[in-house]
Amino acid sequence: MQLSTRENFNMALDSVWTHRFRSGLTILGIVIGITTVITVSSLLTGLRKGIVVFFEEFGPNNIFVSKVSGEPRGEGKLNERRRKPIKPEYAEMVTRLSPSILRAAVAVFPPMIVNGRPLAAKVPGFESDNLSLVGDDYEAFLVVPRELKEGRVFTPSEAARGDKVAVLGANIADALFPTGGAAGKTFMLDGAEFRCVGVMALAKGGFFGENGLDTQITVPRRTVEMRYPGVDRYLITFQAREGQRESAMEEIKAALRRMRRVPTGQPDDFSISTADQIIAQFDSLTGVILIVSIAISGLGLLVGGIGVMNIMLVSVTERTREIGIRKAIGARKFDIIVQFLMEAITLTGLGGVVGLVFAFFVTMLVGVLVPSLPSEVPMAAVVAGLGVSVFVGVFFGVWPAVKAAQLDPVEALRYE
């Protein structure tokens, strides 16, 4: 007697539904495992998408040079802290020596805590210390062009004189001037009065849904250098000519090593990077996180798989007489194996589906509770989750199915 796939599937569903409480407990490990890996994948996918957009804003042809790797304001790795500072004059010297470079801009990062207090911007009735201050050349707006919401950027002459003018990020402008119209108005910053000449539009992408450019106050580099004479945290952005980024990087490295007198055979004593390199570093970090989440979910799947094997062995024992009857009326060993494998696959497949539903729910809940944390459920994770749950059913269902198929029909019919 042969049963179609549909009949086998219906029998499997009937068996699962008959013992629904036991089945639910059995697939709990699978549900937890699938939920964990898909939720983590969703959060990492959304986060990566925001970061990719964030760094793409800095331009595909741009090359960044600073004293340390990572955040230019930071201390960097332990072996980077004793490096000599990057000098702003490197920008003009390297540009002159490197034919692959179109232009360069220098940014300086002043301390964000002065006299034990964080920098704060103030206007009558409003104050905010959720900001970052950057001193930029006029060329910065050419190297990394951005959209203005209102007003303008400071001019080359304003930058050269070190005027107290500023371009505000969208969020800091809203914090200081909630009714709008910030361009042309003044505000206080660290005891000095600055005039806002323009406001940037909301930046794209960011870390955890937030973009630091939106809380950034950009003033002329010369202004920062005059107000904070000891500052030495510089970042030089070189814009390579179209299609010449790789050659530009080699020229920059060679020129800086020569200027900084780095001995042959010694590593660079400066950090040089591009947007895609930074994204690749982020991918390597998130790859480790994903592997850890897969390992944790793997434990849940293992526990669930062992539970499936256990319940299937119990099912074989409980249905010994049924197996004997099926064999007596013509069922082959293969038919018995398919029947019990289908039951195991149905059990774990349902676990996978329930896990997917929970993962979608958790992802949506995180999006509601933490709007700044983007999430996006990747289709690859959905397919992989269902595929793994089915594989667990096949792997852990084989032995019970084979055991059922090997039962002697005569002994099975005598079983009580």
Protein backbone atom coordinates (compact mmCIF):
# COMPACT_ATOMS: atom_id res chain seq x y z
CA MET A 1 0.00 0.00 0.00
CA GLN A 2 1.55 3.29 -1.12
CA LEU A 3 0.51 6.72 0.17
CA SER A 4 0.92 9.95 -1.74
CA THR A 5 3.04 12.80 -0.35
CA ARG A 6 -0.14 14.70 0.45
CA GLU A 7 -1.59 11.77 2.40
CA ASN A 8 1.68 11.35 4.30
CA PHE A 9 1.69 15.06 5.11
CA ASN A 10 -1.93 14.95 6.34
CA MET A 11 -1.13 11.95 8.53
CA ALA A 12 1.88 13.79 9.94
CA LEU A 13 -0.25 16.85 10.74
CA ASP A 14 -2.86 14.65 12.43
CA SER A 15 -0.17 13.03 14.57
CA VAL A 16 1.33 16.41 15.54
CA TRP A 17 -2.09 17.85 16.37
CA THR A 18 -3.10 14.78 18.40
CA HIS A 19 -0.05 15.30 20.63
CA ARG A 20 0.11 19.08 20.23
CA PHE A 21 1.34 19.88 23.76
CA ARG A 22 4.10 17.31 23.54
CA SER A 23 4.97 18.46 20.01
CA GLY A 24 5.09 22.09 21.13
CA LEU A 25 7.57 21.33 23.89
CA THR A 26 9.61 19.24 21.47
CA ILE A 27 10.07 22.02 18.91
CA LEU A 28 10.70 24.75 21.49
CA GLY A 29 14.48 24.50 21.01
CA ILE A 30 14.06 24.81 17.25
CA VAL A 31 11.79 27.85 17.65
CA ILE A 32 14.34 29.55 19.94
CA GLY A 33 17.25 28.73 17.60
CA ILE A 34 15.53 29.99 14.44
CA THR A 35 14.20 33.11 16.21
CA THR A 36 17.67 33.99 17.54
CA VAL A 37 19.60 33.70 14.29
CA ILE A 38 16.99 35.46 12.12
CA THR A 39 16.48 38.31 14.61
CA VAL A 40 20.23 38.91 14.87
CA SER A 41 20.57 38.71 11.07
CA SER A 42 17.74 41.21 10.64
CA LEU A 43 19.24 43.72 13.05
CA LEU A 44 22.73 43.38 11.54
CA THR A 45 21.37 43.69 7.99
CA GLY A 46 19.49 46.90 8.82
CA LEU A 47 22.47 48.29 10.70
CA ARG A 48 24.84 47.51 7.83
CA LYS A 49 22.53 49.15 5.31
CA GLY A 50 22.55 52.37 7.32
CA ILE A 51 26.33 52.30 7.70
CA VAL A 52 26.91 51.64 3.99
CA VAL A 53 24.75 54.65 3.10
CA PHE A 54 26.56 56.69 5.76
CA PHE A 55 30.03 56.02 4.36
CA GLU A 56 28.92 56.29 0.73
CA GLU A 57 28.07 59.91 1.58
CA PHE A 58 31.81 60.51 2.05
CA GLY A 59 32.49 59.74 -1.59
CA PRO A 60 33.86 56.62 -3.36
CA ASN A 61 37.02 58.44 -4.53
CA ASN A 62 37.98 59.89 -1.16
CA ILE A 63 40.95 58.74 0.91
CA PHE A 64 41.22 59.56 4.62
CA VAL A 65 44.50 60.08 6.46
CA SER A 66 44.77 60.50 10.23
CA LYS A 67 47.10 59.73 13.10
CA VAL A 68 45.10 56.76 14.39
CA SER A 69 42.61 54.31 12.96
CA GLY A 70 38.94 54.66 13.82
CA GLU A 71 37.43 57.85 15.17
CA PRO A 72 39.89 60.75 14.60
CA ARG A 73 39.07 62.15 18.06
CA GLY A 74 39.87 58.83 19.71
CA GLU A 75 43.11 57.52 21.15
CA GLY A 76 43.34 54.69 18.64
CA LYS A 77 45.02 51.37 19.30
CA LEU A 78 47.75 51.10 21.93
CA ASN A 79 50.55 50.97 19.34
CA GLU A 80 49.18 54.09 17.59
CA ARG A 81 49.19 56.49 20.53
CA ARG A 82 52.88 57.41 20.27
CA ARG A 83 52.67 58.38 16.62
CA LYS A 84 53.53 61.92 15.59
CA PRO A 85 50.47 64.06 14.82
CA ILE A 86 49.34 64.56 11.24
CA LYS A 87 50.29 68.07 10.11
CA PRO A 88 47.81 70.14 8.06
CA GLU A 89 50.53 71.21 5.61
CA TYR A 90 50.75 67.60 4.42
CA ALA A 91 47.57 68.20 2.41
CA GLU A 92 49.09 70.81 0.12
CA MET A 93 52.46 69.04 -0.13
CA VAL A 94 51.01 65.62 -1.00
CA THR A 95 48.54 67.13 -3.49
CA ARG A 96 51.40 68.89 -5.26
CA LEU A 97 53.45 65.67 -5.47
CA SER A 98 50.60 63.31 -6.47
CA PRO A 99 49.14 63.68 -9.98
CA SER A 100 46.28 61.28 -9.12
CA ILE A 101 44.85 63.63 -6.49
CA LEU A 102 42.30 66.27 -7.47
CA ARG A 103 42.07 68.20 -4.21
CA ALA A 104 42.40 67.84 -0.43
CA ALA A 105 40.66 69.20 2.66
CA VAL A 106 41.86 69.32 6.25
CA ALA A 107 39.59 68.91 9.27
CA VAL A 108 40.57 69.57 12.87
CA PHE A 109 38.80 68.14 15.91
CA PRO A 110 38.92 70.28 19.06
CA PRO A 111 38.34 68.82 22.54
CA MET A 112 34.68 68.28 23.36
CA ILE A 113 35.25 68.84 27.09
CA VAL A 114 36.75 72.17 28.12
CA ASN A 115 37.54 72.96 31.77
CA GLY A 116 35.74 69.81 32.85
CA ARG A 117 32.51 70.70 31.06
CA PRO A 118 31.20 69.48 27.69
CA LEU A 119 30.89 72.01 24.90
CA ALA A 120 27.39 73.39 24.64
CA ALA A 121 25.62 75.64 22.18
CA LYS A 122 23.18 78.20 23.56
CA VAL A 123 20.56 80.68 22.43
CA PRO A 124 18.08 82.45 24.70
CA GLY A 125 15.72 79.78 25.98
CA PHE A 126 17.49 76.80 24.42
CA GLU A 127 20.73 74.93 25.05
CA SER A 128 22.23 71.65 23.80
CA ASP A 129 25.42 69.73 24.50
CA ASN A 130 24.46 66.93 22.12
CA LEU A 131 26.83 68.17 19.47
CA SER A 132 30.27 67.76 17.93
CA LEU A 133 32.50 70.60 16.77
CA VAL A 134 34.66 70.31 13.64
CA GLY A 135 36.92 72.82 11.97
CA ASP A 136 36.93 72.40 8.19
CA ASP A 137 38.52 73.99 5.16
CA TYR A 138 36.23 75.47 2.55
CA GLU A 139 37.42 72.63 0.28
CA ALA A 140 35.65 70.15 2.56
CA PHE A 141 32.35 71.16 0.97
CA LEU A 142 33.82 70.31 -2.45
CA VAL A 143 35.44 67.03 -1.41
CA VAL A 144 32.30 65.81 0.40
CA PRO A 145 29.39 67.76 -1.12
CA ARG A 146 26.19 67.79 0.93
CA GLU A 147 22.73 69.20 0.46
CA LEU A 148 21.85 72.45 2.24
CA LYS A 149 18.49 72.90 3.92
CA GLU A 150 18.88 76.67 4.15
CA GLY A 151 21.52 79.35 3.84
CA ARG A 152 25.02 78.69 2.51
CA VAL A 153 28.42 77.35 3.51
CA PHE A 154 31.17 79.70 4.68
CA THR A 155 33.28 81.28 1.95
CA PRO A 156 37.04 80.77 1.29
CA SER A 157 37.73 84.26 2.63
CA GLU A 158 35.74 83.61 5.82
CA ALA A 159 37.66 80.36 6.26
CA ALA A 160 41.03 82.06 5.68
CA ARG A 161 40.28 84.86 8.19
CA GLY A 162 38.99 82.46 10.83
CA ASP A 163 35.63 84.19 11.12
CA LYS A 164 33.16 82.99 13.75
CA VAL A 165 30.71 81.53 11.26
CA ALA A 166 29.15 78.08 11.38
CA VAL A 167 27.15 75.58 9.36
CA LEU A 168 24.79 73.57 11.57
CA GLY A 169 23.65 69.98 11.20
CA ALA A 170 19.90 69.51 10.88
CA ASN A 171 19.29 68.21 14.42
CA ILE A 172 21.41 70.75 16.30
CA ALA A 173 19.74 73.51 14.26
CA ASP A 174 16.30 72.20 15.32
CA ALA A 175 17.45 72.02 18.95
CA LEU A 176 18.61 75.65 18.99
CA PHE A 177 16.07 77.12 16.60
CA PRO A 178 12.95 74.91 16.81
CA THR A 179 10.87 77.36 14.78
CA GLY A 180 13.37 77.28 11.90
CA GLY A 181 15.15 80.09 10.13
CA ALA A 182 18.54 79.44 11.76
CA ALA A 183 20.53 80.93 8.87
CA GLY A 184 21.66 84.45 9.77
CA LYS A 185 21.07 84.06 13.51
CA THR A 186 23.72 83.93 16.23
CA PHE A 187 24.38 81.48 19.04
CA MET A 188 26.94 81.06 21.81
CA LEU A 189 29.51 78.26 21.76
CA ASP A 190 32.15 77.89 24.47
CA GLY A 191 31.91 81.55 25.42
CA ALA A 192 32.07 82.93 21.87
CA GLU A 193 29.32 84.21 19.60
CA PHE A 194 29.00 82.49 16.23
CA ARG A 195 26.79 83.35 13.31
CA CYS A 196 24.96 80.51 11.57
CA VAL A 197 25.33 80.93 7.81
CA GLY A 198 23.64 77.70 6.78
CA VAL A 199 21.91 74.49 7.85
CA MET A 200 22.57 71.10 6.30
CA ALA A 201 19.77 68.78 5.24
CA LEU A 202 19.33 65.54 7.18
CA ALA A 203 22.22 63.20 6.41
CA LYS A 204 21.60 59.71 5.06
CA GLY A 205 22.40 56.47 6.87
CA GLY A 206 24.24 56.28 10.15
CA PHE A 207 25.04 54.11 13.16
CA PHE A 208 21.93 52.68 14.84
CA GLY A 209 19.83 54.99 12.66
CA GLU A 210 21.60 58.14 13.88
CA ASN A 211 24.06 60.19 11.87
CA GLY A 212 26.62 62.26 13.75
CA LEU A 213 26.64 64.81 10.93
CA ASP A 214 23.16 65.92 12.01
CA THR A 215 24.48 67.15 15.38
CA GLN A 216 27.73 68.56 13.97
CA ILE A 217 28.68 72.23 14.05
CA THR A 218 31.15 73.01 11.27
CA VAL A 219 33.29 76.13 11.58
CA PRO A 220 36.41 77.26 9.69
CA ARG A 221 39.56 75.31 10.58
CA ARG A 222 41.43 78.56 11.20
CA THR A 223 38.79 79.53 13.78
CA VAL A 224 39.35 76.34 15.76
CA GLU A 225 43.14 76.69 15.57
CA MET A 226 42.98 80.25 16.93
CA ARG A 227 40.61 79.34 19.79
CA TYR A 228 42.33 76.07 20.71
CA PRO A 229 46.05 76.56 19.93
CA GLY A 230 47.16 73.15 21.23
CA VAL A 231 44.80 71.08 19.08
CA ASP A 232 46.56 68.45 16.95
CA ARG A 233 43.82 66.00 15.91
CA TYR A 234 43.74 66.43 12.13
CA LEU A 235 42.06 64.43 9.40
CA ILE A 236 43.05 64.97 5.78
CA THR A 237 40.60 63.92 3.07
CA PHE A 238 42.18 63.48 -0.36
CA GLN A 239 39.88 63.31 -3.38
CA ALA A 240 41.36 61.11 -6.09
CA ARG A 241 40.71 61.75 -9.75
CA GLU A 242 38.04 59.55 -11.29
CA GLY A 243 39.28 55.97 -11.65
CA GLN A 244 42.67 56.71 -10.02
CA ARG A 245 41.96 55.98 -6.36
CA GLU A 246 44.36 53.02 -6.06
CA SER A 247 47.27 54.90 -7.61
CA ALA A 248 46.41 57.91 -5.44
CA MET A 249 46.63 55.74 -2.31
CA GLU A 250 50.09 54.52 -3.31
CA GLU A 251 51.25 58.07 -4.01
CA ILE A 252 49.88 59.30 -0.66
CA LYS A 253 51.59 56.48 1.24
CA ALA A 254 54.91 57.06 -0.48
CA ALA A 255 54.79 60.83 0.06
CA LEU A 256 53.78 60.60 3.73
CA ARG A 257 56.41 57.98 4.52
CA ARG A 258 59.02 60.26 2.98
CA MET A 259 57.77 63.37 4.84
CA ARG A 260 57.52 61.55 8.16
CA ARG A 261 60.88 59.78 7.63
CA VAL A 262 59.53 56.26 8.11
CA PRO A 263 62.43 53.79 7.65
CA THR A 264 62.19 51.23 4.85
CA GLY A 265 60.63 48.00 6.09
CA GLN A 266 58.84 49.70 9.01
CA PRO A 267 55.02 49.91 9.08
CA ASP A 268 53.23 53.19 8.33
CA ASP A 269 53.01 55.56 11.29
CA PHE A 270 49.68 56.94 10.08
CA SER A 271 46.26 55.56 9.21
CA ILE A 272 44.99 55.59 5.62
CA SER A 273 41.58 54.26 4.66
CA THR A 274 38.67 54.50 2.25
CA ALA A 275 34.93 54.17 2.77
CA ASP A 276 34.75 50.61 1.43
CA GLN A 277 37.64 49.54 3.68
CA ILE A 278 35.76 50.84 6.71
CA ILE A 279 32.64 48.96 5.58
CA ALA A 280 34.74 45.79 5.16
CA GLN A 281 36.01 46.19 8.75
CA PHE A 282 32.43 46.51 9.94
CA ASP A 283 31.49 43.39 7.98
CA SER A 284 34.26 41.41 9.66
CA LEU A 285 32.99 42.54 13.08
CA THR A 286 29.36 41.72 12.34
CA GLY A 287 30.49 38.41 10.84
CA VAL A 288 31.88 37.43 14.24
CA ILE A 289 28.61 38.47 15.93
CA LEU A 290 26.62 36.43 13.42
CA ILE A 291 28.82 33.36 13.95
CA VAL A 292 28.31 33.63 17.72
CA SER A 293 24.54 33.90 17.24
CA ILE A 294 24.58 30.89 14.92
CA ALA A 295 26.54 28.92 17.53
CA ILE A 296 24.01 29.85 20.22
CA SER A 297 21.05 29.01 17.98
CA GLY A 298 22.82 25.79 17.00
CA LEU A 299 22.57 24.64 20.61
CA GLY A 300 18.83 25.28 20.50
CA LEU A 301 18.53 23.35 17.25
CA LEU A 302 20.56 20.47 18.72
CA VAL A 303 18.30 20.31 21.76
CA GLY A 304 15.25 20.50 19.50
CA GLY A 305 16.64 17.81 17.21
CA ILE A 306 17.28 15.45 20.11
CA GLY A 307 13.74 16.13 21.30
CA VAL A 308 12.40 15.30 17.83
CA MET A 309 14.34 12.02 17.78
CA ASN A 310 13.01 11.16 21.24
CA ILE A 311 9.39 11.89 20.38
CA MET A 312 9.68 9.96 17.12
CA LEU A 313 11.10 6.90 18.93
CA VAL A 314 8.20 7.13 21.38
CA SER A 315 5.82 7.46 18.44
CA VAL A 316 7.28 4.32 16.83
CA THR A 317 6.71 2.41 20.07
CA GLU A 318 3.16 3.73 20.47
CA ARG A 319 2.24 2.90 16.86
CA THR A 320 3.91 -0.50 16.58
CA ARG A 321 0.59 -2.23 15.88
CA GLU A 322 -0.32 0.37 13.23
CA ILE A 323 3.02 -0.26 11.51
CA GLY A 324 2.36 -4.01 11.57
CA ILE A 325 -1.06 -3.53 9.97
CA ARG A 326 0.38 -1.29 7.25
CA LYS A 327 3.07 -3.86 6.49
CA ALA A 328 0.55 -6.69 6.49
CA ILE A 329 -1.52 -5.00 3.77
CA GLY A 330 1.48 -4.29 1.54
CA ALA A 331 3.41 -1.27 2.79
CA ARG A 332 7.12 -1.45 1.97
CA LYS A 333 10.00 -0.44 4.23
CA PHE A 334 10.47 2.65 2.08
CA ASP A 335 6.83 3.67 2.66
CA ILE A 336 7.23 3.38 6.42
CA ILE A 337 10.48 5.41 6.33
CA VAL A 338 8.81 8.14 4.26
CA GLN A 339 5.83 8.24 6.62
CA PHE A 340 7.91 8.80 9.75
CA LEU A 341 10.41 11.11 8.04
CA MET A 342 7.50 13.22 6.83
CA GLU A 343 6.24 13.40 10.39
CA ALA A 344 9.66 14.51 11.70
CA ILE A 345 10.02 17.09 8.90
CA THR A 346 6.52 18.41 9.56
CA LEU A 347 7.35 18.75 13.24
CA THR A 348 10.59 20.67 12.71
CA GLY A 349 9.16 22.60 9.75
CA LEU A 350 6.38 23.90 11.99
CA GLY A 351 9.06 24.84 14.50
CA GLY A 352 10.85 26.79 11.77
CA VAL A 353 7.66 28.60 10.74
CA VAL A 354 6.83 29.50 14.35
CA GLY A 355 10.44 30.69 14.78
CA LEU A 356 10.09 32.91 11.70
CA VAL A 357 6.87 34.41 13.03
CA PHE A 358 8.52 35.15 16.39
CA ALA A 359 11.58 36.61 14.61
CA PHE A 360 9.39 38.96 12.55
CA PHE A 361 7.49 39.96 15.70
CA VAL A 362 10.68 40.61 17.71
CA THR A 363 12.20 42.59 14.82
CA MET A 364 9.08 44.75 14.52
CA LEU A 365 8.96 45.22 18.30
CA VAL A 366 12.59 46.37 18.39
CA GLY A 367 11.84 48.79 15.54
CA VAL A 368 8.94 50.28 17.54
CA LEU A 369 10.74 50.44 20.89
CA VAL A 370 14.10 51.59 19.45
CA PRO A 371 13.38 53.56 16.25
CA SER A 372 17.06 54.49 15.95
CA LEU A 373 17.98 50.81 15.52
CA PRO A 374 17.11 49.88 11.93
CA SER A 375 16.24 46.31 11.03
CA GLU A 376 15.52 44.47 7.82
CA VAL A 377 14.70 40.76 7.61
CA PRO A 378 16.95 39.30 4.88
CA MET A 379 15.27 36.78 2.58
CA ALA A 380 18.40 34.61 2.69
CA ALA A 381 17.97 34.22 6.47
CA VAL A 382 14.31 33.24 6.02
CA VAL A 383 15.17 30.58 3.43
CA ALA A 384 18.13 29.36 5.51
CA GLY A 385 15.98 29.17 8.65
CA LEU A 386 13.32 27.04 6.98
CA GLY A 387 15.98 24.91 5.27
CA VAL A 388 17.83 24.25 8.52
CA SER A 389 14.64 23.32 10.35
CA VAL A 390 13.74 20.82 7.62
CA PHE A 391 17.31 19.43 7.67
CA VAL A 392 17.07 18.91 11.44
CA GLY A 393 13.88 16.92 10.86
CA VAL A 394 15.54 14.73 8.25
CA PHE A 395 18.76 14.24 10.26
CA PHE A 396 17.14 13.39 13.57
CA GLY A 397 14.19 11.56 12.03
CA VAL A 398 16.17 9.02 10.02
CA TRP A 399 16.96 6.63 12.87
CA PRO A 400 13.36 6.43 14.24
CA ALA A 401 12.06 6.01 10.67
CA VAL A 402 14.52 3.21 9.91
CA LYS A 403 13.71 1.52 13.24
CA ALA A 404 10.00 1.64 12.36
CA ALA A 405 10.66 0.20 8.89
CA GLN A 406 12.65 -2.72 10.34
CA LEU A 407 9.88 -3.92 12.64
CA ASP A 408 8.76 -7.48 11.96
CA PRO A 409 5.07 -7.32 10.88
CA VAL A 410 4.11 -10.50 12.77
CA GLU A 411 5.70 -9.27 16.01
CA ALA A 412 4.22 -5.83 15.43
CA LEU A 413 0.69 -7.24 15.08
CA ARG A 414 1.12 -9.11 18.37
CA TYR A 415 2.27 -5.94 20.15
CA GLU A 416 -0.14 -4.69 22.81
